[in-house]
Amino acid sequence: MSRLIIVRHGQSIWNLENRFTGWVDVPLSEKGRQEASDAGRVLYSHQIDIAYTSMLTRAQSTLERLLDSADKDDIPVIKDAALNERHYGSLQGLNKADAAKEFGEEQVRIWRRSYDVPPPDGESLEMTAKRTIPFFERCILGDIALGKNVLVVAHGNSNRSIIMKLKKLTPAEVMSLELDTGIPYIFEMNKDGTLAK
């Protein structure tokens, strides 16, 4: 049996400022750096054989600080854009409260949480999953099949798409799935890529 550990990056500067981030490459806030170090302390006693992260700085910085804090600097790291956050299109950089005033709270909630409704010029969760899930199945589950313990440090929506697949959530169920920044979510995995009961 293997272990899959999924972590959303620590708080970024734009998380702190309540802005849509998407593919904009913003750094971690001071709180985010602390969250990453705290996650490493939580995972100190866990064996990790390989780590995956996105091409965005906030996820890579979280992973680096986490591994340093967990005293696991020597594990291989694979970076891939398939794990990037969903692209928020025209909303990127906007304050979420200002967007709610402009477009309506319900519309912004649908853009943020729904499965198949993309923001203007951006990606829905469904579209994000179409790049995240094939990579997850090919690479990450490939390592699980080899008996490895895998750490994934990515983003709220790329991680939501993975957890949606793992837990077989419906599009309606995934709307309520929230992932806190810097918190390790640990899944016991069978070699066939299913969750261990």
N, C-alpha and C. Protein backbone atom coordinates (compact mmCIF):
# COMPACT_ATOMS: atom_id res chain seq x y z
N MET A 1 0.84 -1.19 0.00
CA MET A 1 0.00 0.00 0.00
C MET A 1 0.89 1.25 0.00
N SER A 2 0.49 2.23 -0.78
CA SER A 2 1.23 3.48 -0.88
C SER A 2 0.43 4.62 -0.29
N ARG A 3 1.11 5.73 -0.16
CA ARG A 3 0.46 6.92 0.39
C ARG A 3 0.57 8.05 -0.63
N LEU A 4 -0.53 8.74 -0.85
CA LEU A 4 -0.57 9.93 -1.68
C LEU A 4 -0.87 11.11 -0.77
N ILE A 5 0.02 12.09 -0.77
CA ILE A 5 -0.15 13.28 0.06
C ILE A 5 -0.34 14.47 -0.86
N ILE A 6 -1.46 15.16 -0.70
CA ILE A 6 -1.79 16.31 -1.54
C ILE A 6 -1.81 17.57 -0.68
N VAL A 7 -1.07 18.58 -1.13
CA VAL A 7 -0.98 19.84 -0.39
C VAL A 7 -1.25 21.00 -1.35
N ARG A 8 -2.17 21.87 -0.97
CA ARG A 8 -2.33 23.13 -1.69
C ARG A 8 -1.23 24.07 -1.19
N HIS A 9 -0.63 24.81 -2.10
CA HIS A 9 0.44 25.74 -1.72
C HIS A 9 0.03 26.62 -0.55
N GLY A 10 1.03 27.15 0.16
CA GLY A 10 0.75 28.09 1.23
C GLY A 10 0.13 29.37 0.70
N GLN A 11 -0.39 30.16 1.59
CA GLN A 11 -1.04 31.42 1.21
C GLN A 11 -0.09 32.27 0.35
N SER A 12 -0.60 32.76 -0.77
CA SER A 12 0.18 33.66 -1.62
C SER A 12 -0.17 35.11 -1.29
N ILE A 13 0.62 36.02 -1.83
CA ILE A 13 0.34 37.44 -1.66
C ILE A 13 -1.07 37.78 -2.16
N TRP A 14 -1.45 37.20 -3.30
CA TRP A 14 -2.78 37.50 -3.85
C TRP A 14 -3.89 36.78 -3.10
N ASN A 15 -3.61 35.61 -2.48
CA ASN A 15 -4.61 35.02 -1.59
C ASN A 15 -4.90 36.01 -0.45
N LEU A 16 -3.82 36.56 0.10
CA LEU A 16 -3.94 37.52 1.19
C LEU A 16 -4.75 38.74 0.77
N GLU A 17 -4.55 39.18 -0.47
CA GLU A 17 -5.24 40.36 -0.99
C GLU A 17 -6.61 40.02 -1.59
N ASN A 18 -7.03 38.75 -1.51
CA ASN A 18 -8.33 38.30 -2.01
C ASN A 18 -8.49 38.54 -3.51
N ARG A 19 -7.40 38.22 -4.26
CA ARG A 19 -7.42 38.42 -5.70
C ARG A 19 -7.41 37.09 -6.43
N PHE A 20 -8.04 37.05 -7.61
CA PHE A 20 -7.97 35.88 -8.48
C PHE A 20 -6.54 35.76 -9.01
N THR A 21 -5.94 34.60 -8.83
CA THR A 21 -4.53 34.45 -9.19
C THR A 21 -4.35 33.66 -10.48
N GLY A 22 -4.89 32.44 -10.54
CA GLY A 22 -4.75 31.63 -11.75
C GLY A 22 -3.30 31.39 -12.11
N TRP A 23 -2.92 31.77 -13.33
CA TRP A 23 -1.55 31.50 -13.80
C TRP A 23 -0.58 32.65 -13.52
N VAL A 24 -1.06 33.72 -12.88
CA VAL A 24 -0.13 34.80 -12.53
C VAL A 24 0.82 34.26 -11.45
N ASP A 25 2.11 34.50 -11.66
CA ASP A 25 3.13 33.86 -10.81
C ASP A 25 3.49 34.75 -9.63
N VAL A 26 2.70 34.66 -8.58
CA VAL A 26 2.92 35.51 -7.40
C VAL A 26 3.59 34.69 -6.29
N PRO A 27 4.36 35.35 -5.42
CA PRO A 27 5.06 34.64 -4.36
C PRO A 27 4.17 34.35 -3.16
N LEU A 28 4.71 33.55 -2.24
CA LEU A 28 4.03 33.28 -0.98
C LEU A 28 4.07 34.50 -0.08
N SER A 29 3.06 34.62 0.75
CA SER A 29 3.07 35.62 1.83
C SER A 29 3.90 35.06 2.99
N GLU A 30 4.12 35.88 3.99
CA GLU A 30 4.83 35.39 5.19
C GLU A 30 4.05 34.24 5.83
N LYS A 31 2.72 34.38 5.91
CA LYS A 31 1.90 33.29 6.44
C LYS A 31 2.06 32.04 5.58
N GLY A 32 2.09 32.20 4.26
CA GLY A 32 2.25 31.06 3.36
C GLY A 32 3.58 30.34 3.57
N ARG A 33 4.64 31.11 3.79
CA ARG A 33 5.95 30.48 4.06
C ARG A 33 5.89 29.69 5.36
N GLN A 34 5.20 30.24 6.36
CA GLN A 34 5.06 29.53 7.64
C GLN A 34 4.21 28.27 7.48
N GLU A 35 3.12 28.37 6.69
CA GLU A 35 2.27 27.20 6.45
C GLU A 35 3.08 26.07 5.79
N ALA A 36 3.95 26.43 4.85
CA ALA A 36 4.77 25.42 4.18
C ALA A 36 5.71 24.73 5.16
N SER A 37 6.34 25.52 6.03
CA SER A 37 7.23 24.93 7.04
C SER A 37 6.46 24.06 8.01
N ASP A 38 5.27 24.51 8.41
CA ASP A 38 4.43 23.73 9.32
C ASP A 38 4.02 22.40 8.68
N ALA A 39 3.68 22.43 7.39
CA ALA A 39 3.31 21.19 6.69
C ALA A 39 4.48 20.21 6.69
N GLY A 40 5.69 20.73 6.52
CA GLY A 40 6.87 19.87 6.57
C GLY A 40 7.03 19.20 7.92
N ARG A 41 6.75 19.92 8.98
CA ARG A 41 6.85 19.32 10.32
C ARG A 41 5.79 18.22 10.50
N VAL A 42 4.60 18.44 9.94
CA VAL A 42 3.55 17.42 9.99
C VAL A 42 3.99 16.15 9.27
N LEU A 43 4.72 16.33 8.16
CA LEU A 43 5.10 15.19 7.32
C LEU A 43 6.49 14.63 7.64
N TYR A 44 7.10 15.13 8.70
CA TYR A 44 8.47 14.72 9.05
C TYR A 44 8.61 13.20 9.17
N SER A 45 7.64 12.55 9.79
CA SER A 45 7.74 11.11 10.04
C SER A 45 7.21 10.25 8.88
N HIS A 46 6.71 10.89 7.84
CA HIS A 46 6.16 10.16 6.69
C HIS A 46 7.26 9.92 5.65
N GLN A 47 7.32 8.71 5.14
CA GLN A 47 8.23 8.44 4.04
C GLN A 47 7.66 9.04 2.77
N ILE A 48 8.48 9.77 2.04
CA ILE A 48 8.10 10.33 0.74
C ILE A 48 9.19 9.92 -0.25
N ASP A 49 8.77 9.31 -1.35
CA ASP A 49 9.74 8.82 -2.34
C ASP A 49 9.93 9.75 -3.52
N ILE A 50 8.89 10.51 -3.86
CA ILE A 50 8.96 11.41 -5.01
C ILE A 50 7.93 12.51 -4.81
N ALA A 51 8.21 13.69 -5.36
CA ALA A 51 7.29 14.83 -5.23
C ALA A 51 7.00 15.42 -6.61
N TYR A 52 5.78 15.93 -6.74
CA TYR A 52 5.33 16.61 -7.96
C TYR A 52 4.85 18.00 -7.60
N THR A 53 5.08 18.95 -8.50
CA THR A 53 4.58 20.30 -8.30
C THR A 53 4.32 20.94 -9.66
N SER A 54 3.71 22.11 -9.62
CA SER A 54 3.38 22.83 -10.85
C SER A 54 4.58 23.67 -11.29
N MET A 55 4.37 24.47 -12.32
CA MET A 55 5.41 25.37 -12.82
C MET A 55 5.33 26.75 -12.17
N LEU A 56 4.43 26.93 -11.20
CA LEU A 56 4.22 28.23 -10.59
C LEU A 56 5.00 28.36 -9.28
N THR A 57 5.55 29.54 -9.06
CA THR A 57 6.46 29.80 -7.94
C THR A 57 5.85 29.47 -6.59
N ARG A 58 4.57 29.81 -6.39
CA ARG A 58 3.98 29.61 -5.06
C ARG A 58 3.93 28.14 -4.68
N ALA A 59 3.70 27.26 -5.65
CA ALA A 59 3.71 25.82 -5.36
C ALA A 59 5.13 25.31 -5.18
N GLN A 60 6.05 25.73 -6.02
CA GLN A 60 7.45 25.29 -5.90
C GLN A 60 8.08 25.76 -4.60
N SER A 61 7.80 27.01 -4.21
CA SER A 61 8.34 27.52 -2.94
C SER A 61 7.77 26.77 -1.75
N THR A 62 6.48 26.45 -1.82
CA THR A 62 5.85 25.66 -0.75
C THR A 62 6.54 24.31 -0.64
N LEU A 63 6.74 23.65 -1.77
CA LEU A 63 7.38 22.34 -1.77
C LEU A 63 8.80 22.42 -1.20
N GLU A 64 9.58 23.41 -1.62
CA GLU A 64 10.95 23.55 -1.13
C GLU A 64 10.99 23.74 0.38
N ARG A 65 10.15 24.63 0.89
CA ARG A 65 10.13 24.89 2.34
C ARG A 65 9.62 23.66 3.10
N LEU A 66 8.61 23.00 2.55
CA LEU A 66 8.07 21.80 3.18
C LEU A 66 9.14 20.72 3.28
N LEU A 67 9.83 20.45 2.19
CA LEU A 67 10.85 19.40 2.20
C LEU A 67 12.00 19.75 3.12
N ASP A 68 12.37 21.02 3.17
CA ASP A 68 13.44 21.45 4.07
C ASP A 68 13.03 21.25 5.52
N SER A 69 11.81 21.63 5.85
CA SER A 69 11.30 21.49 7.21
C SER A 69 11.14 20.03 7.61
N ALA A 70 10.80 19.18 6.63
CA ALA A 70 10.63 17.74 6.88
C ALA A 70 11.94 16.97 6.82
N ASP A 71 13.05 17.69 6.52
CA ASP A 71 14.37 17.07 6.38
C ASP A 71 14.37 16.01 5.28
N LYS A 72 13.77 16.37 4.13
CA LYS A 72 13.65 15.45 2.99
C LYS A 72 14.13 16.14 1.71
N ASP A 73 15.26 16.82 1.78
CA ASP A 73 15.76 17.59 0.65
C ASP A 73 16.24 16.74 -0.52
N ASP A 74 16.41 15.45 -0.30
CA ASP A 74 17.07 14.62 -1.31
C ASP A 74 16.11 13.84 -2.21
N ILE A 75 14.80 14.07 -2.09
CA ILE A 75 13.89 13.29 -2.92
C ILE A 75 13.74 13.95 -4.30
N PRO A 76 13.50 13.15 -5.34
CA PRO A 76 13.33 13.73 -6.68
C PRO A 76 12.04 14.54 -6.78
N VAL A 77 12.12 15.63 -7.55
CA VAL A 77 10.98 16.53 -7.75
C VAL A 77 10.71 16.66 -9.24
N ILE A 78 9.45 16.48 -9.63
CA ILE A 78 9.02 16.64 -11.01
C ILE A 78 8.08 17.84 -11.08
N LYS A 79 8.40 18.78 -11.98
CA LYS A 79 7.59 19.99 -12.17
C LYS A 79 6.88 19.89 -13.51
N ASP A 80 5.58 20.15 -13.51
CA ASP A 80 4.84 20.06 -14.76
C ASP A 80 3.67 21.03 -14.76
N ALA A 81 3.46 21.70 -15.91
CA ALA A 81 2.37 22.67 -16.05
C ALA A 81 0.99 22.02 -15.97
N ALA A 82 0.91 20.70 -16.14
CA ALA A 82 -0.39 20.03 -16.01
C ALA A 82 -0.98 20.25 -14.62
N LEU A 83 -0.12 20.51 -13.63
CA LEU A 83 -0.59 20.71 -12.26
C LEU A 83 -0.83 22.18 -11.91
N ASN A 84 -0.66 23.07 -12.90
CA ASN A 84 -0.91 24.50 -12.64
C ASN A 84 -2.35 24.73 -12.20
N GLU A 85 -2.54 25.84 -11.52
CA GLU A 85 -3.88 26.28 -11.14
C GLU A 85 -4.73 26.48 -12.39
N ARG A 86 -6.03 26.46 -12.24
CA ARG A 86 -6.90 26.78 -13.38
C ARG A 86 -6.65 28.22 -13.80
N HIS A 87 -6.82 28.48 -15.07
CA HIS A 87 -6.62 29.83 -15.60
C HIS A 87 -7.91 30.60 -15.37
N TYR A 88 -7.81 31.72 -14.65
CA TYR A 88 -9.01 32.50 -14.34
C TYR A 88 -9.33 33.56 -15.39
N GLY A 89 -8.62 33.54 -16.52
CA GLY A 89 -8.97 34.40 -17.64
C GLY A 89 -9.01 35.87 -17.28
N SER A 90 -10.09 36.53 -17.66
CA SER A 90 -10.24 37.97 -17.45
C SER A 90 -10.33 38.35 -15.97
N LEU A 91 -10.57 37.38 -15.12
CA LEU A 91 -10.68 37.67 -13.68
C LEU A 91 -9.31 37.77 -13.00
N GLN A 92 -8.27 37.26 -13.64
CA GLN A 92 -6.95 37.23 -12.99
C GLN A 92 -6.52 38.65 -12.58
N GLY A 93 -6.14 38.78 -11.32
CA GLY A 93 -5.71 40.06 -10.78
C GLY A 93 -6.82 40.86 -10.12
N LEU A 94 -8.09 40.52 -10.43
CA LEU A 94 -9.20 41.25 -9.83
C LEU A 94 -9.41 40.83 -8.37
N ASN A 95 -9.79 41.79 -7.56
CA ASN A 95 -10.21 41.50 -6.19
C ASN A 95 -11.54 40.76 -6.26
N LYS A 96 -11.68 39.68 -5.49
CA LYS A 96 -12.89 38.86 -5.57
C LYS A 96 -14.14 39.62 -5.10
N ALA A 97 -13.98 40.48 -4.10
CA ALA A 97 -15.13 41.27 -3.63
C ALA A 97 -15.56 42.28 -4.70
N ASP A 98 -14.58 42.88 -5.36
CA ASP A 98 -14.91 43.82 -6.44
C ASP A 98 -15.58 43.10 -7.60
N ALA A 99 -15.09 41.89 -7.92
CA ALA A 99 -15.71 41.10 -8.99
C ALA A 99 -17.15 40.75 -8.64
N ALA A 100 -17.41 40.45 -7.37
CA ALA A 100 -18.77 40.12 -6.94
C ALA A 100 -19.69 41.33 -7.09
N LYS A 101 -19.16 42.53 -6.82
CA LYS A 101 -19.97 43.74 -7.01
C LYS A 101 -20.27 43.97 -8.48
N GLU A 102 -19.29 43.69 -9.34
CA GLU A 102 -19.45 43.94 -10.77
C GLU A 102 -20.33 42.90 -11.46
N PHE A 103 -20.13 41.62 -11.12
CA PHE A 103 -20.81 40.54 -11.84
C PHE A 103 -21.91 39.86 -11.02
N GLY A 104 -21.97 40.14 -9.73
CA GLY A 104 -22.92 39.50 -8.84
C GLY A 104 -22.27 38.35 -8.08
N GLU A 105 -22.62 38.25 -6.80
CA GLU A 105 -22.00 37.22 -5.95
C GLU A 105 -22.26 35.81 -6.47
N GLU A 106 -23.48 35.56 -6.93
CA GLU A 106 -23.82 34.20 -7.38
C GLU A 106 -23.02 33.83 -8.63
N GLN A 107 -22.86 34.76 -9.55
CA GLN A 107 -22.09 34.47 -10.77
C GLN A 107 -20.63 34.17 -10.43
N VAL A 108 -20.05 34.96 -9.53
CA VAL A 108 -18.65 34.74 -9.13
C VAL A 108 -18.52 33.40 -8.42
N ARG A 109 -19.51 33.06 -7.58
CA ARG A 109 -19.48 31.76 -6.90
C ARG A 109 -19.52 30.63 -7.93
N ILE A 110 -20.34 30.75 -8.94
CA ILE A 110 -20.42 29.73 -9.99
C ILE A 110 -19.08 29.62 -10.73
N TRP A 111 -18.50 30.76 -11.09
CA TRP A 111 -17.19 30.72 -11.76
C TRP A 111 -16.13 30.04 -10.91
N ARG A 112 -16.17 30.29 -9.60
CA ARG A 112 -15.14 29.76 -8.71
C ARG A 112 -15.35 28.30 -8.35
N ARG A 113 -16.59 27.87 -8.12
CA ARG A 113 -16.82 26.57 -7.51
C ARG A 113 -17.41 25.53 -8.45
N SER A 114 -18.07 25.95 -9.54
CA SER A 114 -18.77 24.98 -10.39
C SER A 114 -17.78 24.10 -11.13
N TYR A 115 -18.29 23.05 -11.71
CA TYR A 115 -17.47 22.10 -12.46
C TYR A 115 -17.29 22.52 -13.91
N ASP A 116 -18.34 23.00 -14.55
CA ASP A 116 -18.28 23.16 -16.00
C ASP A 116 -18.55 24.57 -16.53
N VAL A 117 -18.56 25.57 -15.65
CA VAL A 117 -18.77 26.95 -16.10
C VAL A 117 -17.47 27.72 -15.95
N PRO A 118 -16.81 28.08 -17.08
CA PRO A 118 -15.55 28.81 -16.98
C PRO A 118 -15.77 30.30 -16.76
N PRO A 119 -14.83 30.97 -16.10
CA PRO A 119 -14.88 32.43 -16.06
C PRO A 119 -14.56 32.98 -17.46
N PRO A 120 -14.84 34.24 -17.72
CA PRO A 120 -14.57 34.79 -19.05
C PRO A 120 -13.11 34.58 -19.47
N ASP A 121 -12.91 33.97 -20.63
CA ASP A 121 -11.57 33.71 -21.19
C ASP A 121 -10.73 32.76 -20.35
N GLY A 122 -11.35 32.01 -19.43
CA GLY A 122 -10.59 31.14 -18.54
C GLY A 122 -11.01 29.69 -18.61
N GLU A 123 -10.58 28.92 -17.61
CA GLU A 123 -10.85 27.49 -17.54
C GLU A 123 -11.88 27.17 -16.46
N SER A 124 -12.76 26.25 -16.75
CA SER A 124 -13.61 25.65 -15.72
C SER A 124 -12.81 24.56 -15.02
N LEU A 125 -13.35 24.03 -13.94
CA LEU A 125 -12.71 22.90 -13.29
C LEU A 125 -12.66 21.70 -14.23
N GLU A 126 -13.70 21.53 -15.03
CA GLU A 126 -13.73 20.44 -16.01
C GLU A 126 -12.56 20.57 -17.00
N MET A 127 -12.32 21.77 -17.48
CA MET A 127 -11.22 22.01 -18.41
C MET A 127 -9.87 21.79 -17.73
N THR A 128 -9.76 22.22 -16.48
CA THR A 128 -8.53 22.00 -15.72
C THR A 128 -8.27 20.51 -15.56
N ALA A 129 -9.32 19.76 -15.25
CA ALA A 129 -9.19 18.31 -15.06
C ALA A 129 -8.74 17.61 -16.34
N LYS A 130 -9.08 18.16 -17.50
CA LYS A 130 -8.69 17.52 -18.76
C LYS A 130 -7.18 17.56 -18.99
N ARG A 131 -6.47 18.43 -18.28
CA ARG A 131 -5.00 18.39 -18.36
C ARG A 131 -4.39 17.75 -17.11
N THR A 132 -5.07 17.93 -15.97
CA THR A 132 -4.53 17.41 -14.71
C THR A 132 -4.68 15.90 -14.60
N ILE A 133 -5.85 15.37 -14.90
CA ILE A 133 -6.13 13.95 -14.68
C ILE A 133 -5.29 13.04 -15.57
N PRO A 134 -5.11 13.29 -16.86
CA PRO A 134 -4.23 12.40 -17.64
C PRO A 134 -2.80 12.36 -17.09
N PHE A 135 -2.30 13.50 -16.65
CA PHE A 135 -0.96 13.54 -16.04
C PHE A 135 -0.96 12.74 -14.73
N PHE A 136 -1.99 12.94 -13.93
CA PHE A 136 -2.12 12.20 -12.67
C PHE A 136 -2.15 10.70 -12.91
N GLU A 137 -2.94 10.27 -13.88
CA GLU A 137 -3.06 8.83 -14.16
C GLU A 137 -1.76 8.25 -14.70
N ARG A 138 -1.11 8.99 -15.58
CA ARG A 138 0.10 8.48 -16.23
C ARG A 138 1.31 8.49 -15.29
N CYS A 139 1.53 9.59 -14.61
CA CYS A 139 2.76 9.76 -13.84
C CYS A 139 2.59 9.44 -12.35
N ILE A 140 1.67 10.13 -11.71
CA ILE A 140 1.53 9.97 -10.26
C ILE A 140 1.01 8.59 -9.91
N LEU A 141 -0.04 8.13 -10.59
CA LEU A 141 -0.53 6.78 -10.31
C LEU A 141 0.46 5.72 -10.78
N GLY A 142 1.30 6.07 -11.76
CA GLY A 142 2.38 5.16 -12.15
C GLY A 142 3.34 4.91 -11.00
N ASP A 143 3.67 5.97 -10.27
CA ASP A 143 4.53 5.81 -9.09
C ASP A 143 3.81 5.06 -7.97
N ILE A 144 2.52 5.33 -7.80
CA ILE A 144 1.73 4.58 -6.80
C ILE A 144 1.76 3.09 -7.13
N ALA A 145 1.62 2.75 -8.41
CA ALA A 145 1.63 1.34 -8.83
C ALA A 145 2.96 0.67 -8.53
N LEU A 146 4.02 1.47 -8.46
CA LEU A 146 5.35 0.94 -8.12
C LEU A 146 5.57 0.87 -6.61
N GLY A 147 4.55 1.23 -5.84
CA GLY A 147 4.66 1.16 -4.39
C GLY A 147 5.29 2.38 -3.74
N LYS A 148 5.39 3.48 -4.50
CA LYS A 148 6.01 4.70 -3.95
C LYS A 148 5.00 5.54 -3.18
N ASN A 149 5.52 6.27 -2.21
CA ASN A 149 4.74 7.28 -1.50
C ASN A 149 4.97 8.61 -2.21
N VAL A 150 3.89 9.26 -2.63
CA VAL A 150 3.98 10.41 -3.51
C VAL A 150 3.41 11.66 -2.83
N LEU A 151 4.15 12.77 -2.97
CA LEU A 151 3.71 14.07 -2.50
C LEU A 151 3.39 14.95 -3.70
N VAL A 152 2.21 15.57 -3.70
CA VAL A 152 1.82 16.52 -4.74
C VAL A 152 1.56 17.86 -4.08
N VAL A 153 2.34 18.87 -4.46
CA VAL A 153 2.11 20.23 -3.97
C VAL A 153 1.70 21.07 -5.16
N ALA A 154 0.42 21.44 -5.20
CA ALA A 154 -0.10 22.17 -6.35
C ALA A 154 -1.08 23.24 -5.88
N HIS A 155 -2.26 23.28 -6.47
CA HIS A 155 -3.17 24.42 -6.31
C HIS A 155 -4.57 23.96 -5.96
N GLY A 156 -5.38 24.91 -5.51
CA GLY A 156 -6.73 24.56 -5.10
C GLY A 156 -7.49 23.77 -6.13
N ASN A 157 -7.49 24.23 -7.38
CA ASN A 157 -8.32 23.58 -8.39
C ASN A 157 -7.67 22.37 -9.04
N SER A 158 -6.37 22.39 -9.28
CA SER A 158 -5.72 21.18 -9.80
C SER A 158 -5.84 20.06 -8.77
N ASN A 159 -5.69 20.39 -7.49
CA ASN A 159 -5.86 19.39 -6.44
C ASN A 159 -7.31 18.95 -6.31
N ARG A 160 -8.26 19.88 -6.46
CA ARG A 160 -9.68 19.51 -6.39
C ARG A 160 -10.02 18.51 -7.49
N SER A 161 -9.47 18.70 -8.68
CA SER A 161 -9.77 17.77 -9.77
C SER A 161 -9.24 16.37 -9.46
N ILE A 162 -8.06 16.30 -8.85
CA ILE A 162 -7.48 15.00 -8.48
C ILE A 162 -8.33 14.33 -7.40
N ILE A 163 -8.70 15.09 -6.39
CA ILE A 163 -9.50 14.52 -5.29
C ILE A 163 -10.90 14.13 -5.80
N MET A 164 -11.43 14.91 -6.73
CA MET A 164 -12.72 14.56 -7.32
C MET A 164 -12.64 13.18 -7.96
N LYS A 165 -11.56 12.93 -8.70
CA LYS A 165 -11.39 11.62 -9.34
C LYS A 165 -11.19 10.52 -8.29
N LEU A 166 -10.32 10.77 -7.32
CA LEU A 166 -10.04 9.76 -6.29
C LEU A 166 -11.30 9.35 -5.53
N LYS A 167 -12.09 10.34 -5.14
CA LYS A 167 -13.27 10.08 -4.32
C LYS A 167 -14.53 9.87 -5.14
N LYS A 168 -14.39 9.94 -6.47
CA LYS A 168 -15.52 9.76 -7.38
C LYS A 168 -16.66 10.72 -7.06
N LEU A 169 -16.29 11.99 -6.86
CA LEU A 169 -17.29 13.01 -6.56
C LEU A 169 -18.02 13.42 -7.83
N THR A 170 -19.26 13.77 -7.68
CA THR A 170 -20.04 14.27 -8.81
C THR A 170 -19.72 15.76 -8.99
N PRO A 171 -20.08 16.34 -10.16
CA PRO A 171 -19.91 17.77 -10.33
C PRO A 171 -20.62 18.59 -9.24
N ALA A 172 -21.75 18.13 -8.76
CA ALA A 172 -22.45 18.83 -7.68
C ALA A 172 -21.68 18.72 -6.36
N GLU A 173 -21.15 17.53 -6.09
CA GLU A 173 -20.42 17.33 -4.83
C GLU A 173 -19.11 18.12 -4.78
N VAL A 174 -18.45 18.27 -5.93
CA VAL A 174 -17.16 18.95 -5.92
C VAL A 174 -17.30 20.45 -5.65
N MET A 175 -18.50 20.99 -5.86
CA MET A 175 -18.70 22.42 -5.59
C MET A 175 -18.42 22.78 -4.14
N SER A 176 -18.65 21.85 -3.23
CA SER A 176 -18.44 22.15 -1.81
C SER A 176 -17.06 21.72 -1.31
N LEU A 177 -16.22 21.18 -2.19
CA LEU A 177 -14.88 20.74 -1.79
C LEU A 177 -13.95 21.93 -1.65
N GLU A 178 -13.53 22.22 -0.44
CA GLU A 178 -12.61 23.32 -0.16
C GLU A 178 -11.30 22.73 0.36
N LEU A 179 -10.19 23.24 -0.11
CA LEU A 179 -8.87 22.79 0.35
C LEU A 179 -8.15 23.99 0.96
N ASP A 180 -7.79 23.87 2.23
CA ASP A 180 -7.07 24.94 2.90
C ASP A 180 -5.63 25.00 2.43
N THR A 181 -5.04 26.19 2.48
CA THR A 181 -3.65 26.34 2.09
C THR A 181 -2.73 25.69 3.12
N GLY A 182 -1.70 25.01 2.61
CA GLY A 182 -0.65 24.47 3.46
C GLY A 182 -1.02 23.27 4.31
N ILE A 183 -2.14 22.63 4.05
CA ILE A 183 -2.59 21.49 4.86
C ILE A 183 -2.38 20.20 4.08
N PRO A 184 -1.64 19.22 4.63
CA PRO A 184 -1.49 17.93 3.94
C PRO A 184 -2.77 17.09 4.05
N TYR A 185 -3.24 16.61 2.91
CA TYR A 185 -4.36 15.67 2.84
C TYR A 185 -3.75 14.33 2.45
N ILE A 186 -3.92 13.33 3.31
CA ILE A 186 -3.21 12.05 3.14
C ILE A 186 -4.20 10.96 2.76
N PHE A 187 -3.87 10.25 1.68
CA PHE A 187 -4.71 9.18 1.16
C PHE A 187 -3.91 7.88 1.11
N GLU A 188 -4.48 6.82 1.69
CA GLU A 188 -3.88 5.49 1.55
C GLU A 188 -4.36 4.91 0.22
N MET A 189 -3.41 4.43 -0.57
CA MET A 189 -3.70 4.04 -1.95
C MET A 189 -3.38 2.57 -2.21
N ASN A 190 -4.25 1.93 -3.00
CA ASN A 190 -3.94 0.61 -3.53
C ASN A 190 -3.07 0.78 -4.78
N LYS A 191 -2.36 -0.29 -5.14
CA LYS A 191 -1.48 -0.20 -6.30
C LYS A 191 -2.24 0.04 -7.61
N ASP A 192 -3.53 -0.30 -7.63
CA ASP A 192 -4.32 -0.08 -8.86
C ASP A 192 -4.84 1.36 -8.95
N GLY A 193 -4.42 2.22 -8.03
CA GLY A 193 -4.79 3.61 -8.10
C GLY A 193 -6.09 3.97 -7.41
N THR A 194 -6.71 3.00 -6.74
CA THR A 194 -7.94 3.27 -5.99
C THR A 194 -7.60 3.58 -4.54
N LEU A 195 -8.52 4.25 -3.88
CA LEU A 195 -8.35 4.52 -2.45
C LEU A 195 -8.50 3.24 -1.65
N ALA A 196 -7.60 3.03 -0.70
CA ALA A 196 -7.71 1.87 0.18
C ALA A 196 -8.88 2.11 1.13
N LYS A 197 -9.65 1.08 1.38
CA LYS A 197 -10.82 1.22 2.26
C LYS A 197 -10.40 1.18 3.71
